[in-house]
Amino acid sequence: MKMKAIVTLPLLALLTLAVDAQEREATGGTAPSADSDRSQIVGHWVAEKTSSSGLGSVWEFKPDGTLTITFGVVANGSYRLEGDTLILPPETSAPGAAPQRIRVRIEGNHLYERYGDSEKEGSYVRIKGGKPGDAAIVGVWKSDMPLPGTKLDEAFKNATFTYTRDGIAKMRAALRSSAGRYDLTNRTYSLDSADLAGARGPGRSKVVTGRFELRDGKLYLTQPGGQTEEVYVRDDFE
């Protein structure tokens, strides 16, 4: 997905579009790859390619041998600041489409955004900061605005907005998640898949397994059945 208004398009609308796309597309699960050294696998990994609607998977490998996979909106795009104006790519790819321009102000660990002539501001709280010398906007933010009161409240509440020091803006919003484990020795993973619960009856999850490998700084994972290999890249903010 292009940077389809990573910040300017209301998050509720973006999540709703993603849910609609999820119902239309056969997405399947995704998994990670690992190396003999645990330090090389621990962290967050995101699918190198997302669906046309911006859906993708993020895998978190933890030091204790467990992992969590979240599936949802994965949006990336460039940004730059000119004074108090945040400039993002156009909302559409139409010829002549103008970049998005958003007035911003930062007070301590709070980011406020105003769109066009709107009298209301979007409000975000910093959950992770940058390094000394970084621009004030660099970091990971979450919305602290009131929840919209829909079935997407959980995704809305936990969505993150990241501005990196090299000019990349990211949005991550999980729609569902699964837990599992990984084995560095055998380079395998197992996942308690709620999506496959029907294979064992209502309310009973099914354990699915696959393989993973780290090559050239990327994570390659083979889905259950060994038919499909997918590529993941690091998604940690440092």
Foldseek 3Di string as FASTA:
>chain_A
DALLPVPHPPPVVLQVLFVVVPVVDDDDDDDWADALDPVLQAAKKWFPDADPSQKTKIKGQHPVFKIKIFIGHKYKFFWDDDPQWIWTQFNDPDPPGGTFIWGWDDDPQKIWIDHDPDPDIWIWGFPFADDPPADRQAGKIATPDDAPPDPQSVQNRPWIWGAHSVGMIIIDTGPDMWMWGADNVQQKIKIFDPVCQPVVHPPHTDIAMWGWHDDPQWIWIAGGVRPDITIIHHDDHD
